[in-house]
C-alpha atoms as a PDB file:
ATOM      1  CA  UNK A   1     -29.856 -29.608 -31.580  1.00  0.00           C
ATOM      2  CA  UNK A   2     -31.059 -26.229 -31.626  1.00  0.00           C
ATOM      3  CA  UNK A   3     -31.080 -26.585 -27.693  1.00  0.00           C
ATOM      4  CA  UNK A   4     -27.440 -27.994 -26.879  1.00  0.00           C
ATOM      5  CA  UNK A   5     -26.518 -25.372 -29.314  1.00  0.00           C
ATOM      6  CA  UNK A   6     -28.036 -22.867 -27.052  1.00  0.00           C
ATOM      7  CA  UNK A   7     -26.957 -24.781 -23.848  1.00  0.00           C
ATOM      8  CA  UNK A   8     -23.519 -24.101 -24.987  1.00  0.00           C
ATOM      9  CA  UNK A   9     -24.115 -20.327 -25.438  1.00  0.00           C
ATOM     10  CA  UNK A  10     -25.599 -19.967 -22.587  1.00  0.00           C
ATOM     11  CA  UNK A  11     -22.410 -21.709 -20.759  1.00  0.00           C
ATOM     12  CA  UNK A  12     -19.634 -19.413 -22.799  1.00  0.00           C
ATOM     13  CA  UNK A  13     -21.714 -16.601 -21.820  1.00  0.00           C
ATOM     14  CA  UNK A  14     -21.186 -17.588 -17.742  1.00  0.00           C
ATOM     15  CA  UNK A  15     -17.553 -18.682 -18.458  1.00  0.00           C
ATOM     16  CA  UNK A  16     -17.251 -15.271 -20.058  1.00  0.00           C
ATOM     17  CA  UNK A  17     -18.971 -12.945 -17.513  1.00  0.00           C
ATOM     18  CA  UNK A  18     -17.153 -14.852 -14.863  1.00  0.00           C
ATOM     19  CA  UNK A  19     -13.642 -13.822 -16.928  1.00  0.00           C
ATOM     20  CA  UNK A  20     -14.560 -10.472 -16.732  1.00  0.00           C
ATOM     21  CA  UNK A  21     -15.620 -10.169 -12.951  1.00  0.00           C
ATOM     22  CA  UNK A  22     -11.443 -11.584 -12.362  1.00  0.00           C
ATOM     23  CA  UNK A  23      -9.907  -9.250 -14.354  1.00  0.00           C
ATOM     24  CA  UNK A  24     -12.560  -6.331 -13.055  1.00  0.00           C
ATOM     25  CA  UNK A  25     -11.082  -7.212  -9.515  1.00  0.00           C
ATOM     26  CA  UNK A  26      -7.915  -7.562 -10.349  1.00  0.00           C
ATOM     27  CA  UNK A  27      -7.557  -3.723 -12.240  1.00  0.00           C
ATOM     28  CA  UNK A  28      -9.253  -2.798  -8.549  1.00  0.00           C
ATOM     29  CA  UNK A  29      -6.548  -4.453  -6.808  1.00  0.00           C
ATOM     30  CA  UNK A  30      -3.797  -3.285  -8.771  1.00  0.00           C
ATOM     31  CA  UNK A  31      -5.338   0.296  -8.730  1.00  0.00           C
ATOM     32  CA  UNK A  32      -6.190   0.702  -4.990  1.00  0.00           C
ATOM     33  CA  UNK A  33      -2.356  -0.643  -4.873  1.00  0.00           C
ATOM     34  CA  UNK A  34      -1.116   1.864  -6.837  1.00  0.00           C
ATOM     35  CA  UNK A  35      -3.118   4.602  -5.397  1.00  0.00           C
ATOM     36  CA  UNK A  36      -2.032   3.199  -1.508  1.00  0.00           C
ATOM     37  CA  UNK A  37       1.787   3.872  -2.700  1.00  0.00           C
ATOM     38  CA  UNK A  38       1.092   7.658  -4.089  1.00  0.00           C
ATOM     39  CA  UNK A  39      -0.330   8.194  -0.936  1.00  0.00           C
ATOM     40  CA  UNK A  40       2.604   6.681   0.762  1.00  0.00           C
ATOM     41  CA  UNK A  41       5.787   8.316  -1.738  1.00  0.00           C
ATOM     42  CA  UNK A  42       3.409  11.911  -0.850  1.00  0.00           C
ATOM     43  CA  UNK A  43       3.837  11.165   3.022  1.00  0.00           C
ATOM     44  CA  UNK A  44       7.565  10.213   3.267  1.00  0.00           C
ATOM     45  CA  UNK A  45       8.392  13.163   1.020  1.00  0.00           C
ATOM     46  CA  UNK A  46       6.139  15.451   3.772  1.00  0.00           C
ATOM     47  CA  UNK A  47       8.517  13.975   6.470  1.00  0.00           C
ATOM     48  CA  UNK A  48      11.405  14.589   4.652  1.00  0.00           C
ATOM     49  CA  UNK A  49      10.695  18.367   4.386  1.00  0.00           C
ATOM     50  CA  UNK A  50       9.712  19.013   7.486  1.00  0.00           C
ATOM     51  CA  UNK A  51      12.079  17.501   8.843  1.00  0.00           C
ATOM     52  CA  UNK A  52      14.720  18.535   6.685  1.00  0.00           C
ATOM     53  CA  UNK A  53      16.602  15.407   5.825  1.00  0.00           C
ATOM     54  CA  UNK A  54      16.389  13.791   1.598  1.00  0.00           C
ATOM     55  CA  UNK A  55      13.616  11.099   0.862  1.00  0.00           C
ATOM     56  CA  UNK A  56      15.729   8.199   0.399  1.00  0.00           C
ATOM     57  CA  UNK A  57      16.690   8.523   4.171  1.00  0.00           C
ATOM     58  CA  UNK A  58      12.974   8.440   5.247  1.00  0.00           C
ATOM     59  CA  UNK A  59      12.266   4.033   5.679  1.00  0.00           C
ATOM     60  CA  UNK A  60       9.224   3.370   6.634  1.00  0.00           C
ATOM     61  CA  UNK A  61       7.443  -0.580   7.567  1.00  0.00           C
ATOM     62  CA  UNK A  62       4.365  -0.820   5.875  1.00  0.00           C
ATOM     63  CA  UNK A  63       3.774  -0.833   1.922  1.00  0.00           C
ATOM     64  CA  UNK A  64       0.231   1.693   2.412  1.00  0.00           C
ATOM     65  CA  UNK A  65      -0.316   4.067   4.770  1.00  0.00           C
ATOM     66  CA  UNK A  66      -1.909   2.717   7.815  1.00  0.00           C
ATOM     67  CA  UNK A  67      -1.780   4.240  11.433  1.00  0.00           C
ATOM     68  CA  UNK A  68       0.885   2.945  13.513  1.00  0.00           C
ATOM     69  CA  UNK A  69       3.133   2.483  10.715  1.00  0.00           C
ATOM     70  CA  UNK A  70       6.933   2.872  11.782  1.00  0.00           C
ATOM     71  CA  UNK A  71       8.547   5.868   9.886  1.00  0.00           C
ATOM     72  CA  UNK A  72      12.504   6.179  11.166  1.00  0.00           C
ATOM     73  CA  UNK A  73      15.027   8.803   9.934  1.00  0.00           C
ATOM     74  CA  UNK A  74      17.686  10.339  11.236  1.00  0.00           C
ATOM     75  CA  UNK A  75      18.979   6.891  13.379  1.00  0.00           C
ATOM     76  CA  UNK A  76      15.158   7.257  15.268  1.00  0.00           C
ATOM     77  CA  UNK A  77      12.589   5.698  15.106  1.00  0.00           C
ATOM     78  CA  UNK A  78       8.783   7.083  15.378  1.00  0.00           C
ATOM     79  CA  UNK A  79       5.604   5.589  15.295  1.00  0.00           C
ATOM     80  CA  UNK A  80       2.571   7.338  12.947  1.00  0.00           C
ATOM     81  CA  UNK A  81      -0.341   7.806  13.923  1.00  0.00           C
ATOM     82  CA  UNK A  82      -3.239   9.473  11.345  1.00  0.00           C
ATOM     83  CA  UNK A  83      -6.454  11.163  12.487  1.00  0.00           C
ATOM     84  CA  UNK A  84      -9.024   9.750  11.089  1.00  0.00           C
ATOM     85  CA  UNK A  85      -9.013  11.114   7.596  1.00  0.00           C
ATOM     86  CA  UNK A  86      -5.304  10.185   6.714  1.00  0.00           C
ATOM     87  CA  UNK A  87      -5.259  13.865   5.765  1.00  0.00           C
ATOM     88  CA  UNK A  88      -2.738  14.560   9.140  1.00  0.00           C
ATOM     89  CA  UNK A  89      -0.713  12.986  11.905  1.00  0.00           C
ATOM     90  CA  UNK A  90       1.873  13.111  14.487  1.00  0.00           C
ATOM     91  CA  UNK A  91       4.670  11.196  14.899  1.00  0.00           C
ATOM     92  CA  UNK A  92       5.150   9.438  18.308  1.00  0.00           C
ATOM     93  CA  UNK A  93       9.081   8.067  19.059  1.00  0.00           C
ATOM     94  CA  UNK A  94       9.179   4.642  19.460  1.00  0.00           C
ATOM     95  CA  UNK A  95      11.260   2.036  20.550  1.00  0.00           C
ATOM     96  CA  UNK A  96      12.139  -0.570  18.066  1.00  0.00           C
ATOM     97  CA  UNK A  97      12.892  -4.117  19.789  1.00  0.00           C
ATOM     98  CA  UNK A  98      15.167  -6.042  17.421  1.00  0.00           C
ATOM     99  CA  UNK A  99      17.464  -3.097  16.121  1.00  0.00           C
ATOM    100  CA  UNK A 100      19.255  -6.382  13.832  1.00  0.00           C
ATOM    101  CA  UNK A 101      16.855  -4.875  10.908  1.00  0.00           C
ATOM    102  CA  UNK A 102      18.445  -4.342   7.372  1.00  0.00           C
ATOM    103  CA  UNK A 103      17.424  -2.157   4.413  1.00  0.00           C
ATOM    104  CA  UNK A 104      18.355  -3.315   1.331  1.00  0.00           C
ATOM    105  CA  UNK A 105      20.982  -5.726   2.576  1.00  0.00           C
ATOM    106  CA  UNK A 106      22.709  -2.442   5.232  1.00  0.00           C
ATOM    107  CA  UNK A 107      22.168  -2.089   8.316  1.00  0.00           C
END
């Protein structure tokens, strides 16, 4: 009888540790996504200030700051080239193949 309860206790402990691991992984994933989103917002605000446009007029094609992403403002598209530590970037004028891009239902 003692062996059975010991086995049940060990099983519950293992199950609890697995659940804890899953919850920790999900928390870290959400935390990373929020951090990436904050970096992207700062990037978009910097573009707006540097180019004299409203932040709402700056559009990007990614949800996190990435080298090679496309940014659009003043109805022109640019490819973003980030340096190795993501502290600076250059914009290169680019041309989109499919101009039928819709943002929030607007062309």
